[in-house]
N, C-alpha and C. Protein backbone atom coordinates (compact mmCIF):
# COMPACT_ATOMS: atom_id res chain seq x y z
N MET A 1 81.11 55.19 24.13
CA MET A 1 80.92 56.41 23.36
C MET A 1 81.55 56.26 21.99
N TYR A 2 80.98 57.01 21.06
CA TYR A 2 81.43 56.96 19.67
C TYR A 2 81.85 58.34 19.21
N LYS A 3 82.76 58.37 18.25
CA LYS A 3 83.04 59.64 17.58
C LYS A 3 81.92 59.80 16.57
N VAL A 4 81.09 60.81 16.78
CA VAL A 4 79.92 61.04 15.94
C VAL A 4 80.16 62.27 15.08
N THR A 5 79.91 62.13 13.80
CA THR A 5 79.93 63.26 12.90
C THR A 5 78.52 63.48 12.42
N VAL A 6 77.98 64.66 12.69
CA VAL A 6 76.65 65.02 12.23
C VAL A 6 76.81 66.00 11.08
N ASN A 7 76.49 65.56 9.88
CA ASN A 7 76.51 66.43 8.70
C ASN A 7 75.09 66.93 8.47
N ALA A 8 74.93 68.25 8.50
CA ALA A 8 73.60 68.81 8.34
C ALA A 8 73.67 70.09 7.53
N GLU A 9 72.71 70.27 6.65
CA GLU A 9 72.61 71.51 5.88
C GLU A 9 72.39 72.68 6.84
N ASP A 10 71.59 72.45 7.87
CA ASP A 10 71.29 73.46 8.90
C ASP A 10 72.22 73.20 10.09
N SER A 11 73.24 74.03 10.25
CA SER A 11 74.23 73.80 11.31
C SER A 11 73.62 73.88 12.70
N GLU A 12 72.58 74.68 12.87
CA GLU A 12 71.91 74.77 14.17
C GLU A 12 71.26 73.43 14.52
N LEU A 13 70.62 72.82 13.53
CA LEU A 13 70.04 71.49 13.73
C LEU A 13 71.13 70.49 14.07
N GLY A 14 72.24 70.54 13.34
CA GLY A 14 73.35 69.64 13.61
C GLY A 14 73.87 69.78 15.03
N GLU A 15 74.01 71.01 15.51
CA GLU A 15 74.48 71.24 16.88
C GLU A 15 73.51 70.71 17.91
N LYS A 16 72.22 70.88 17.67
CA LYS A 16 71.20 70.37 18.60
C LYS A 16 71.24 68.84 18.66
N VAL A 17 71.35 68.21 17.49
CA VAL A 17 71.41 66.75 17.43
C VAL A 17 72.66 66.25 18.17
N LEU A 18 73.80 66.88 17.93
CA LEU A 18 75.02 66.46 18.59
C LEU A 18 74.92 66.67 20.10
N ALA A 19 74.32 67.76 20.52
CA ALA A 19 74.18 68.04 21.95
C ALA A 19 73.33 66.98 22.64
N VAL A 20 72.25 66.55 22.01
CA VAL A 20 71.39 65.54 22.63
C VAL A 20 72.09 64.17 22.64
N LEU A 21 72.89 63.87 21.61
CA LEU A 21 73.63 62.61 21.60
C LEU A 21 74.74 62.62 22.65
N THR A 22 75.36 63.77 22.85
CA THR A 22 76.38 63.90 23.88
C THR A 22 75.76 63.74 25.26
N ALA A 23 74.64 64.42 25.49
CA ALA A 23 73.95 64.31 26.77
C ALA A 23 73.49 62.89 27.04
N GLY A 24 73.15 62.16 25.97
CA GLY A 24 72.71 60.78 26.11
C GLY A 24 73.85 59.80 26.32
N GLY A 25 75.09 60.30 26.26
CA GLY A 25 76.25 59.44 26.49
C GLY A 25 76.73 58.67 25.27
N PHE A 26 76.32 59.09 24.07
CA PHE A 26 76.71 58.38 22.86
C PHE A 26 77.85 59.04 22.10
N ALA A 27 78.02 60.35 22.24
CA ALA A 27 79.02 61.08 21.47
C ALA A 27 80.23 61.41 22.33
N SER A 28 81.41 61.09 21.84
CA SER A 28 82.64 61.39 22.55
C SER A 28 83.04 62.85 22.33
N SER A 29 84.08 63.27 23.02
CA SER A 29 84.55 64.65 22.89
C SER A 29 85.15 64.93 21.51
N GLU A 30 85.45 63.89 20.75
CA GLU A 30 85.97 64.06 19.39
C GLU A 30 84.88 64.31 18.36
N SER A 31 83.63 64.23 18.78
CA SER A 31 82.50 64.39 17.86
C SER A 31 82.39 65.83 17.38
N TYR A 32 81.80 65.99 16.19
CA TYR A 32 81.66 67.34 15.65
C TYR A 32 80.53 67.41 14.63
N VAL A 33 80.17 68.65 14.28
CA VAL A 33 79.16 68.90 13.26
C VAL A 33 79.88 69.33 11.98
N GLY A 34 79.59 68.66 10.89
CA GLY A 34 80.16 69.00 9.60
C GLY A 34 79.11 69.69 8.74
N ASP A 35 79.52 70.10 7.56
CA ASP A 35 78.58 70.81 6.67
C ASP A 35 78.53 70.17 5.29
N ASP A 36 78.67 68.86 5.25
CA ASP A 36 78.67 68.15 3.98
C ASP A 36 77.65 67.01 4.01
N PRO A 37 76.35 67.38 4.12
CA PRO A 37 75.34 66.32 4.23
C PRO A 37 75.14 65.56 2.93
N ASP A 38 74.71 64.34 3.08
CA ASP A 38 74.34 63.51 1.95
C ASP A 38 72.95 63.97 1.50
N TYR A 39 72.54 63.57 0.32
CA TYR A 39 71.21 63.95 -0.16
C TYR A 39 70.12 63.13 0.52
N GLU A 40 70.50 62.05 1.18
CA GLU A 40 69.54 61.22 1.90
C GLU A 40 69.84 61.27 3.38
N ALA A 41 68.79 61.20 4.17
CA ALA A 41 68.98 61.16 5.62
C ALA A 41 69.37 59.74 6.01
N ASN A 42 70.52 59.60 6.66
CA ASN A 42 70.94 58.27 7.05
C ASN A 42 71.85 58.32 8.26
N ILE A 43 72.02 57.17 8.86
CA ILE A 43 72.97 56.98 9.94
C ILE A 43 73.84 55.80 9.55
N LYS A 44 75.14 56.06 9.44
CA LYS A 44 76.10 55.02 9.05
C LYS A 44 76.88 54.65 10.30
N TYR A 45 76.94 53.38 10.57
CA TYR A 45 77.63 52.93 11.78
C TYR A 45 78.38 51.65 11.48
N GLY A 46 79.40 51.42 12.26
CA GLY A 46 80.18 50.19 12.09
C GLY A 46 79.99 49.29 13.30
N THR A 47 80.74 49.56 14.36
CA THR A 47 80.69 48.68 15.52
C THR A 47 79.67 49.11 16.56
N ALA A 48 78.93 50.16 16.30
CA ALA A 48 77.88 50.56 17.25
C ALA A 48 76.86 49.43 17.35
N THR A 49 76.36 49.19 18.53
CA THR A 49 75.38 48.12 18.71
C THR A 49 74.03 48.54 18.15
N LYS A 50 73.22 47.57 17.81
CA LYS A 50 71.87 47.85 17.30
C LYS A 50 71.07 48.63 18.33
N ASP A 51 71.23 48.29 19.61
CA ASP A 51 70.51 49.01 20.66
C ASP A 51 70.94 50.46 20.74
N ASP A 52 72.25 50.72 20.61
CA ASP A 52 72.75 52.09 20.63
C ASP A 52 72.22 52.88 19.43
N VAL A 53 72.21 52.27 18.27
CA VAL A 53 71.71 52.95 17.07
C VAL A 53 70.22 53.26 17.24
N LYS A 54 69.48 52.32 17.78
CA LYS A 54 68.05 52.54 18.02
C LYS A 54 67.84 53.71 18.98
N ALA A 55 68.63 53.76 20.05
CA ALA A 55 68.52 54.84 21.03
C ALA A 55 68.93 56.18 20.41
N MET A 56 69.98 56.18 19.60
CA MET A 56 70.41 57.43 18.94
C MET A 56 69.33 57.93 17.99
N ARG A 57 68.73 57.03 17.23
CA ARG A 57 67.66 57.43 16.31
C ARG A 57 66.49 58.03 17.08
N LYS A 58 66.18 57.48 18.22
CA LYS A 58 65.09 58.01 19.04
C LYS A 58 65.42 59.42 19.53
N LEU A 59 66.66 59.63 19.98
CA LEU A 59 67.07 60.96 20.43
C LEU A 59 67.05 61.96 19.28
N ILE A 60 67.51 61.55 18.12
CA ILE A 60 67.54 62.43 16.95
C ILE A 60 66.13 62.84 16.54
N SER A 61 65.17 61.94 16.71
CA SER A 61 63.79 62.19 16.26
C SER A 61 63.15 63.37 16.99
N VAL A 62 63.73 63.80 18.11
CA VAL A 62 63.23 64.98 18.81
C VAL A 62 63.37 66.21 17.91
N PHE A 63 64.42 66.24 17.07
CA PHE A 63 64.69 67.39 16.21
C PHE A 63 64.45 67.12 14.74
N TYR A 64 64.52 65.87 14.34
CA TYR A 64 64.37 65.52 12.92
C TYR A 64 63.35 64.40 12.82
N ASP A 65 62.21 64.70 12.23
CA ASP A 65 61.14 63.70 12.19
C ASP A 65 61.09 62.92 10.88
N GLY A 66 62.08 63.13 10.01
CA GLY A 66 62.14 62.35 8.78
C GLY A 66 62.72 60.96 9.04
N LYS A 67 62.62 60.11 8.07
CA LYS A 67 63.13 58.74 8.20
C LYS A 67 64.64 58.72 8.03
N LEU A 68 65.32 58.06 8.94
CA LEU A 68 66.78 57.89 8.86
C LEU A 68 67.07 56.47 8.41
N GLU A 69 67.62 56.33 7.23
CA GLU A 69 68.02 55.01 6.75
C GLU A 69 69.25 54.56 7.54
N GLU A 70 69.32 53.29 7.85
CA GLU A 70 70.48 52.75 8.55
C GLU A 70 71.42 52.09 7.55
N GLU A 71 72.70 52.36 7.71
CA GLU A 71 73.71 51.77 6.85
C GLU A 71 74.81 51.20 7.73
N GLU A 72 74.82 49.89 7.83
CA GLU A 72 75.86 49.25 8.63
C GLU A 72 77.07 49.06 7.72
N ALA A 73 78.18 49.68 8.08
CA ALA A 73 79.35 49.65 7.22
C ALA A 73 80.61 49.41 8.04
N PHE A 74 81.42 48.49 7.61
CA PHE A 74 82.68 48.21 8.27
C PHE A 74 83.81 48.59 7.32
N ASP A 75 84.49 49.65 7.64
CA ASP A 75 85.63 50.09 6.84
C ASP A 75 86.60 50.81 7.77
N SER A 76 87.42 51.69 7.25
CA SER A 76 88.42 52.35 8.08
C SER A 76 87.80 53.23 9.16
N ASP A 77 86.54 53.59 8.99
CA ASP A 77 85.83 54.42 9.97
C ASP A 77 84.88 53.61 10.85
N ASP A 78 85.12 52.33 11.01
CA ASP A 78 84.12 51.49 11.64
C ASP A 78 83.85 51.78 13.11
N TYR A 79 84.66 52.61 13.75
CA TYR A 79 84.36 52.98 15.12
C TYR A 79 83.59 54.29 15.20
N ASP A 80 83.39 54.93 14.08
CA ASP A 80 82.69 56.20 14.04
C ASP A 80 81.22 56.01 13.66
N VAL A 81 80.42 57.01 13.98
CA VAL A 81 79.02 57.04 13.56
C VAL A 81 78.83 58.31 12.75
N PHE A 82 78.27 58.20 11.56
CA PHE A 82 78.03 59.34 10.70
C PHE A 82 76.52 59.53 10.53
N ILE A 83 76.05 60.72 10.80
CA ILE A 83 74.63 61.04 10.66
C ILE A 83 74.51 62.14 9.61
N ASN A 84 73.72 61.89 8.59
CA ASN A 84 73.49 62.87 7.53
C ASN A 84 72.05 63.34 7.57
N LEU A 85 71.89 64.65 7.71
CA LEU A 85 70.57 65.25 7.73
C LEU A 85 70.51 66.30 6.63
N PRO A 86 69.76 66.03 5.56
CA PRO A 86 69.71 66.99 4.44
C PRO A 86 69.05 68.31 4.84
C-alpha cells in the first residue's frame, strides 16, 4: 500500500477516486484528498511498481476519463503517490 494524495478541484471526485484506490488495496490509511490540483492531470510515483500504477490508472478511469500523464520521480516523497485531477 502507498500513501496516496489525490489533489482534485472537485473534492467529491477526489473522494471517489481515493475510495476506489483504497478498496483496490493501493491506498494506505494515511492517504487523503487535497485541494491543490496541478493544471495537468498526472500521477507522480516513486517506488510504486509499473503494474501498480497501471492498475491504479485503470481504477481511476472509472471516474476520470481524461489522460493521466505518468511522472516517475524519486525524491523525499518517493514512497508516496500523488494524483492530480484538474
